[in-house]
C-alpha cells in the first residue's frame, strides 16, 4: 500500500511597507531584514526571475502598482511558514526594538510625532470640526508629523552595542526557548512601544510603568515599588558621582538597608522613609521618583484616571529609555543565564555608607527577612 503524504509547506518571503521609517542601509533585526526606501523594485525583480511569462495583464498591472506603493518607504522582509499574520507579528516586534534604539540613541526625539510603523500604527489625520459657538469650521492635525531616519552611525551602534546584540539574539530565539532576561526585555520594550504609539497619556503612562515592572520587578513581591526603585537607582542614580554599577561608590541607605522577603521595607528602611517624608532627611530623588511612578500607576488602576497631559506623561517616564534601558540591557547581556536576584546580590555587595550618619560603617548583607 502506498502511503499518502501531505505536501511539504514552503516558507514564504514577504515584503511589508514601513511608512515613516528611513534607513541608510539594510538592518537585520532578529528574523526581519529592513531595507531602505526604493529597494522593493529590485527585490521583486529578483524574485520574479523565472516566473511564468503568460500572466494576465491585469495581474501584472496590480503587481506593478503594489511594487510602486512599497517603493515609497522602507520595507521589511521576513520569511515565515504561517503567512501574512505571522509576518506581521515578527515585523511589529522588530519595529518595537527599532523604536527603542531610536529613543536610547536620541532621547530628545518626540515619541509620538516622530515615529514609524506598519500601516495604521503611526498614522496622521486631519480632524475637521465645526464650532457652533463661532459659527465657523475648524481643523486640527492629529497623529504623526514626521517619521524617523536611522543613519550609518545608528547602524554601527546597533551592530556593536552589547545591549542591542542582546535584543537581536532574543528576537531570533523561538518564544519557548528564550531566557528569563530575554523575555523580560522583549515584553518591556513591547510595552514601551505601545506607550510611544499611544495618544492617551494615562494609557501611555500605564504601559510605561508596566514596562518598568516587567524589566526590574520581582513577581513574588507583595509591594513591588521599593525593590524596583532600588534596582533602578543602582543603574542610574548619581549622574554627577557616577553610577553604583560603575563601582567605587558606597551604597546609600535606601539601597543598603534590608527589605523584607516580599519586598516591603525592613524596620530600618521603613524608619528612614518615614524620616524622609517628614522632612528630617534629604531624600534620594531617583529612588522616590520611581516610588512616585508606581503610586501614580495605582491611582490610575484603582481610581480610574490620573488626568495627565502628554507633557506630564513624557516627563515622568522619559528616563526609562533615555537613561535606564541601555545599562540594564548591557547587564542582561553580561548575565545571560541569570535572573534579577543575581542583581540583588550585586547591589548587596556594595560597601555600605554609615547609617545613621556618624556611626561606624557596618557590614550589610542586605538580608531579607519576614
Protein backbone atom coordinates (compact mmCIF):
# COMPACT_ATOMS: atom_id res chain seq x y z
CA UNK A 1 0.00 0.00 0.00
CA UNK A 2 1.31 3.46 -0.90
CA UNK A 3 1.38 5.87 1.98
CA UNK A 4 -0.07 9.29 1.13
CA UNK A 5 1.79 12.32 2.35
CA UNK A 6 0.74 15.91 2.76
CA UNK A 7 2.77 18.19 0.51
CA UNK A 8 5.56 19.90 2.43
CA UNK A 9 4.85 23.52 3.16
CA UNK A 10 7.32 26.04 1.85
CA UNK A 11 8.29 29.20 3.69
CA UNK A 12 7.10 32.45 2.16
CA UNK A 13 9.26 35.55 1.76
CA UNK A 14 7.10 38.60 2.27
CA UNK A 15 7.71 42.34 1.95
CA UNK A 16 5.78 44.73 4.19
CA UNK A 17 5.87 48.53 4.00
CA UNK A 18 7.04 50.59 6.99
CA UNK A 19 5.80 54.17 6.44
CA UNK A 20 7.79 56.86 8.19
CA UNK A 21 10.97 54.80 8.53
CA UNK A 22 14.18 55.67 6.72
CA UNK A 23 17.36 53.61 6.96
CA UNK A 24 20.62 54.45 5.22
CA UNK A 25 21.44 50.77 4.82
CA UNK A 26 19.91 47.35 5.43
CA UNK A 27 19.22 46.44 9.07
CA UNK A 28 18.89 42.87 10.30
CA UNK A 29 16.66 42.91 13.38
CA UNK A 30 16.03 39.43 14.69
CA UNK A 31 14.40 37.47 11.87
CA UNK A 32 13.44 40.61 9.93
CA UNK A 33 15.54 42.44 7.35
CA UNK A 34 14.69 46.12 6.89
CA UNK A 35 15.64 47.61 3.52
CA UNK A 36 15.94 51.30 2.58
CA UNK A 37 13.18 53.03 0.65
CA UNK A 38 13.31 52.23 -3.05
CA UNK A 39 14.60 48.68 -2.53
CA UNK A 40 11.28 46.95 -3.26
CA UNK A 41 11.59 47.06 -7.08
CA UNK A 42 14.95 45.28 -7.11
CA UNK A 43 13.84 42.68 -4.57
CA UNK A 44 10.66 41.94 -6.54
CA UNK A 45 12.52 41.79 -9.85
CA UNK A 46 14.93 39.25 -8.40
CA UNK A 47 12.02 37.16 -7.09
CA UNK A 48 10.24 37.31 -10.49
CA UNK A 49 13.10 35.75 -12.43
CA UNK A 50 11.87 32.52 -13.93
CA UNK A 51 8.20 33.35 -13.33
CA UNK A 52 5.57 32.47 -15.93
CA UNK A 53 5.64 34.99 -18.80
CA UNK A 54 1.95 34.46 -19.71
CA UNK A 55 0.36 36.04 -16.63
CA UNK A 56 -2.71 38.18 -17.44
CA UNK A 57 -2.21 41.89 -17.92
CA UNK A 58 -4.45 42.83 -15.00
CA UNK A 59 -2.28 40.73 -12.65
CA UNK A 60 0.89 42.37 -13.95
CA UNK A 61 -0.64 45.82 -13.50
CA UNK A 62 -1.69 45.05 -9.95
CA UNK A 63 1.78 43.71 -9.17
CA UNK A 64 3.42 46.85 -10.58
CA UNK A 65 1.08 49.00 -8.50
CA UNK A 66 1.98 47.08 -5.34
CA UNK A 67 5.70 47.45 -6.07
CA UNK A 68 5.28 51.19 -6.61
CA UNK A 69 3.48 51.52 -3.27
CA UNK A 70 6.18 49.55 -1.48
CA UNK A 71 8.87 51.71 -3.07
CA UNK A 72 7.72 54.82 -1.21
CA UNK A 73 9.01 53.64 2.16
CA UNK A 74 11.41 51.28 3.86
CA UNK A 75 10.31 47.68 3.56
CA UNK A 76 10.58 44.79 5.99
CA UNK A 77 11.48 41.40 4.51
CA UNK A 78 10.64 38.29 6.50
CA UNK A 79 10.45 34.56 5.77
CA UNK A 80 7.63 32.70 7.50
CA UNK A 81 5.76 29.41 7.44
CA UNK A 82 2.46 30.85 8.64
CA UNK A 83 1.76 33.56 6.07
CA UNK A 84 0.99 37.24 6.49
CA UNK A 85 -0.35 37.05 10.05
CA UNK A 86 2.90 35.54 11.33
CA UNK A 87 4.88 38.06 9.28
CA UNK A 88 3.04 41.00 10.86
CA UNK A 89 3.82 39.74 14.37
CA UNK A 90 7.53 39.36 13.60
CA UNK A 91 7.79 42.75 11.90
CA UNK A 92 5.93 44.50 14.73
CA UNK A 93 8.39 43.03 17.25
CA UNK A 94 11.37 44.15 15.17
CA UNK A 95 9.96 47.67 14.80
CA UNK A 96 9.36 47.91 18.56
CA UNK A 97 13.07 47.18 19.04
CA UNK A 98 13.98 49.84 16.48
CA UNK A 99 11.82 52.37 18.34
CA UNK A 100 13.76 51.51 21.49
CA UNK A 101 17.02 52.16 19.62
CA UNK A 102 15.60 55.49 18.45
CA UNK A 103 14.84 56.64 21.99
CA UNK A 104 18.04 55.28 23.55
CA UNK A 105 20.26 56.89 20.93
CA UNK A 106 18.17 60.07 20.59
CA UNK A 107 16.42 60.76 23.92
CA UNK A 108 15.13 64.12 22.72
CA UNK A 109 13.15 62.62 19.84
CA UNK A 110 9.42 63.17 20.18
CA UNK A 111 7.96 59.73 20.80
CA UNK A 112 4.52 60.32 19.30
CA UNK A 113 5.10 62.74 16.46
CA UNK A 114 8.40 61.30 15.18
CA UNK A 115 7.78 57.61 14.69
CA UNK A 116 7.15 54.84 12.19
CA UNK A 117 5.32 51.55 11.93
CA UNK A 118 3.26 49.24 9.79
CA UNK A 119 0.36 50.97 8.04
CA UNK A 120 -2.13 52.14 10.66
CA UNK A 121 0.36 52.03 13.55
CA UNK A 122 1.75 55.51 13.09
CA UNK A 123 -0.94 57.39 11.21
CA UNK A 124 -1.64 61.06 10.57
CA UNK A 125 -5.08 62.61 10.20
CA UNK A 126 -6.80 65.96 9.82
CA UNK A 127 -9.79 66.36 12.13
CA UNK A 128 -12.40 68.68 10.66
CA UNK A 129 -14.95 70.17 13.06
CA UNK A 130 -17.47 72.98 13.24
CA UNK A 131 -17.74 75.44 16.11
CA UNK A 132 -21.40 76.18 16.72
CA UNK A 133 -20.35 78.99 19.08
CA UNK A 134 -18.15 80.74 16.50
CA UNK A 135 -20.31 79.62 13.57
CA UNK A 136 -17.16 78.60 11.71
CA UNK A 137 -15.34 75.44 10.65
CA UNK A 138 -12.01 74.40 12.13
CA UNK A 139 -9.26 71.89 11.56
CA UNK A 140 -6.75 70.15 13.78
CA UNK A 141 -3.89 67.89 12.80
CA UNK A 142 -3.60 64.62 14.71
CA UNK A 143 -1.09 61.82 14.77
CA UNK A 144 2.43 61.62 13.44
CA UNK A 145 4.04 64.73 11.97
CA UNK A 146 7.23 63.07 10.74
CA UNK A 147 9.00 59.75 10.58
CA UNK A 148 12.44 58.78 11.77
CA UNK A 149 15.71 58.25 9.94
CA UNK A 150 18.47 55.88 11.07
CA UNK A 151 21.86 56.76 9.60
CA UNK A 152 25.10 54.80 9.42
CA UNK A 153 26.05 55.89 12.95
CA UNK A 154 22.87 54.34 14.35
CA UNK A 155 23.51 51.14 12.41
CA UNK A 156 27.06 50.96 13.82
CA UNK A 157 25.60 51.25 17.33
CA UNK A 158 23.02 48.56 16.53
CA UNK A 159 25.68 46.11 15.36
CA UNK A 160 28.24 46.95 18.08
CA UNK A 161 26.49 47.69 21.37
CA UNK A 162 26.07 44.63 23.63
CA UNK A 163 22.63 45.91 24.68
CA UNK A 164 21.38 45.74 21.10
CA UNK A 165 23.13 42.44 20.37
CA UNK A 166 21.24 41.00 23.35
CA UNK A 167 17.91 42.15 21.87
CA UNK A 168 18.77 40.86 18.41
CA UNK A 169 19.61 37.42 19.76
CA UNK A 170 16.45 37.40 21.87
CA UNK A 171 14.31 38.07 18.79
CA UNK A 172 15.95 35.21 16.91
CA UNK A 173 15.07 32.67 19.60
CA UNK A 174 11.74 30.79 19.47
CA UNK A 175 9.49 32.10 22.23
CA UNK A 176 9.66 28.93 24.32
CA UNK A 177 13.47 28.91 24.21
CA UNK A 178 14.10 32.46 25.41
CA UNK A 179 15.81 33.01 28.73
CA UNK A 180 14.11 34.81 31.61
CA UNK A 181 16.03 38.00 30.90
CA UNK A 182 15.31 37.81 27.16
CA UNK A 183 11.60 37.52 27.88
CA UNK A 184 11.72 40.41 30.33
CA UNK A 185 13.49 42.65 27.82
CA UNK A 186 11.25 41.92 24.84
CA UNK A 187 7.99 42.28 26.79
CA UNK A 188 9.19 45.50 28.41
CA UNK A 189 10.12 47.00 25.04
CA UNK A 190 6.79 45.95 23.54
CA UNK A 191 5.02 47.79 26.38
CA UNK A 192 7.21 50.85 25.89
CA UNK A 193 6.45 50.75 22.17
CA UNK A 194 2.73 50.72 22.94
CA UNK A 195 3.26 53.75 25.17
CA UNK A 196 5.13 55.60 22.42
CA UNK A 197 2.35 54.88 19.91
CA UNK A 198 -0.48 55.80 22.27
CA UNK A 199 -2.17 59.19 22.17
CA UNK A 200 -3.92 58.76 25.54
CA UNK A 201 -1.50 59.96 28.25
CA UNK A 202 -2.88 57.88 31.12
CA UNK A 203 -2.78 54.74 28.97
CA UNK A 204 0.74 55.53 27.80
CA UNK A 205 1.81 56.09 31.42
CA UNK A 206 0.36 52.74 32.49
CA UNK A 207 2.17 50.93 29.67
CA UNK A 208 5.47 52.60 30.53
CA UNK A 209 5.25 51.78 34.25
CA UNK A 210 4.24 48.21 33.43
CA UNK A 211 7.35 48.04 31.23
CA UNK A 212 9.46 49.15 34.19
CA UNK A 213 7.87 46.45 36.35
CA UNK A 214 8.49 43.75 33.73
CA UNK A 215 12.09 44.91 33.32
CA UNK A 216 13.04 45.10 37.00
CA UNK A 217 10.16 43.84 39.15
CA UNK A 218 10.06 40.69 41.27
CA UNK A 219 6.96 38.52 40.76
CA UNK A 220 6.80 37.34 44.37
CA UNK A 221 6.91 40.80 45.95
CA UNK A 222 3.75 41.99 47.67
CA UNK A 223 4.93 45.60 47.44
CA UNK A 224 6.95 45.84 44.24
CA UNK A 225 7.87 49.51 44.13
CA UNK A 226 10.71 49.55 46.66
CA UNK A 227 12.74 46.79 45.05
CA UNK A 228 12.15 48.32 41.60
CA UNK A 229 13.24 51.73 42.93
CA UNK A 230 16.36 50.14 44.42
CA UNK A 231 17.27 48.38 41.19
CA UNK A 232 16.64 51.49 39.08
CA UNK A 233 18.78 53.57 41.45
CA UNK A 234 21.63 51.08 41.19
CA UNK A 235 21.77 51.59 37.42
CA UNK A 236 21.26 55.34 37.02
CA UNK A 237 21.33 57.22 40.34
CA UNK A 238 24.10 59.77 40.73
CA UNK A 239 24.91 61.15 37.30
CA UNK A 240 27.42 63.55 38.90
CA UNK A 241 29.11 60.99 41.18
CA UNK A 242 28.89 58.05 38.78
CA UNK A 243 26.50 55.12 38.97
CA UNK A 244 26.72 52.39 41.59
CA UNK A 245 27.09 49.94 38.71
CA UNK A 246 30.38 51.58 37.70
CA UNK A 247 31.82 50.73 41.13
CA UNK A 248 33.67 52.68 43.81
CA UNK A 249 30.60 54.31 45.30
CA UNK A 250 29.17 53.21 48.68
CA UNK A 251 25.51 52.32 48.75
CA UNK A 252 23.21 54.90 50.26
CA UNK A 253 20.88 53.57 52.99
CA UNK A 254 17.99 53.32 50.52
CA UNK A 255 19.97 50.61 48.74
CA UNK A 256 21.73 49.11 51.76
CA UNK A 257 19.03 48.78 54.43
CA UNK A 258 17.23 45.42 54.16
CA UNK A 259 13.90 44.74 52.50
CA UNK A 260 11.55 42.12 53.86
CA UNK A 261 11.16 38.88 51.94
CA UNK A 262 8.11 40.13 49.99
CA UNK A 263 9.59 43.49 49.05
CA UNK A 264 8.32 45.68 51.90
CA UNK A 265 10.89 47.85 53.70
CA UNK A 266 12.51 46.32 56.76
CA UNK A 267 12.30 48.22 60.08
CA UNK A 268 15.39 50.41 59.48
CA UNK A 269 14.42 51.26 55.90
CA UNK A 270 10.83 51.94 56.97
CA UNK A 271 12.10 54.34 59.63
CA UNK A 272 14.34 56.11 57.09
CA UNK A 273 11.50 56.51 54.59
CA UNK A 274 9.36 57.98 57.38
CA UNK A 275 12.13 60.46 58.26
CA UNK A 276 12.43 61.49 54.61
CA UNK A 277 8.67 62.01 54.29
CA UNK A 278 8.75 64.08 57.48
CA UNK A 279 11.47 66.29 56.01
CA UNK A 280 14.13 65.24 58.51
CA UNK A 281 16.43 63.64 55.94
CA UNK A 282 17.28 64.78 52.43
CA UNK A 283 15.64 62.32 50.01
CA UNK A 284 17.14 60.48 47.04
CA UNK A 285 15.29 61.93 44.07
CA UNK A 286 15.72 58.92 41.79
CA UNK A 287 14.51 56.37 44.34
CA UNK A 288 11.41 58.36 45.25
CA UNK A 289 10.68 59.30 41.65
CA UNK A 290 10.24 55.59 40.92
CA UNK A 291 8.14 55.08 44.06
CA UNK A 292 6.00 58.02 42.90
CA UNK A 293 5.56 56.47 39.46
CA UNK A 294 4.23 53.31 40.99
CA UNK A 295 1.89 55.20 43.32
CA UNK A 296 0.54 57.13 40.31
CA UNK A 297 0.12 53.86 38.44
CA UNK A 298 -2.01 52.53 41.30
CA UNK A 299 -4.07 55.71 41.27
CA UNK A 300 -4.91 55.15 37.58
CA UNK A 301 -5.70 51.47 38.08
CA UNK A 302 -7.82 51.89 41.19
CA UNK A 303 -9.08 55.44 40.73
CA UNK A 304 -9.85 55.31 37.04
CA UNK A 305 -7.82 58.32 35.92
CA UNK A 306 -4.82 60.45 36.74
CA UNK A 307 -5.62 63.15 34.19
CA UNK A 308 -2.08 63.51 32.86
CA UNK A 309 -1.22 65.78 29.97
CA UNK A 310 1.03 64.49 27.20
CA UNK A 311 3.88 66.62 28.55
CA UNK A 312 3.47 65.33 32.11
CA UNK A 313 3.43 61.71 30.96
CA UNK A 314 6.51 62.18 28.82
CA UNK A 315 8.47 63.95 31.57
CA UNK A 316 7.59 61.24 34.11
CA UNK A 317 8.59 58.23 32.00
CA UNK A 318 11.24 59.69 29.67
CA UNK A 319 14.14 58.38 31.78
CA UNK A 320 13.24 54.72 31.15
CA UNK A 321 14.53 54.75 27.58
CA UNK A 322 16.84 57.76 27.90
CA UNK A 323 18.90 56.54 30.88
CA UNK A 324 17.83 53.14 32.12
CA UNK A 325 17.34 50.75 29.19
CA UNK A 326 20.91 50.68 27.90
CA UNK A 327 22.69 49.83 31.20
CA UNK A 328 20.00 47.29 32.13
CA UNK A 329 20.25 45.56 28.75
CA UNK A 330 24.04 45.53 28.98
CA UNK A 331 23.75 43.91 32.41
CA UNK A 332 21.37 41.36 30.92
CA UNK A 333 23.90 40.66 28.15
CA UNK A 334 26.64 40.07 30.74
CA UNK A 335 24.44 37.69 32.77
CA UNK A 336 22.63 35.68 30.04
CA UNK A 337 21.57 32.79 32.25
CA UNK A 338 20.71 34.77 35.39
CA UNK A 339 17.57 36.42 36.70
CA UNK A 340 17.26 39.52 38.84
CA UNK A 341 18.02 38.01 42.27
CA UNK A 342 21.59 37.94 40.92
CA UNK A 343 21.32 41.71 40.56
CA UNK A 344 20.23 42.00 44.20
CA UNK A 345 23.37 40.10 45.24
CA UNK A 346 25.43 42.58 43.25
CA UNK A 347 23.73 45.51 44.98
CA UNK A 348 24.26 43.81 48.35
CA UNK A 349 27.99 43.56 47.68
CA UNK A 350 28.38 47.35 47.58
CA UNK A 351 30.18 48.88 50.56
CA UNK A 352 27.54 50.44 52.80
CA UNK A 353 27.76 54.03 53.99
CA UNK A 354 27.31 54.53 57.75
CA UNK A 355 23.74 54.73 58.96
CA UNK A 356 22.64 56.64 60.93
CA UNK A 357 25.22 59.28 59.89
CA UNK A 358 28.15 59.41 62.29
CA UNK A 359 28.03 55.74 63.27
CA UNK A 360 30.78 53.33 62.33
CA UNK A 361 30.28 51.62 58.96
CA UNK A 362 28.72 48.25 59.45
CA UNK A 363 28.69 45.14 57.31
CA UNK A 364 25.38 44.95 55.45
CA UNK A 365 24.40 41.67 53.92
CA UNK A 366 21.08 43.20 52.78
CA UNK A 367 19.49 40.06 54.17
CA UNK A 368 15.76 39.86 53.66
CA UNK A 369 13.52 38.67 56.44
CA UNK A 370 9.86 38.23 57.15
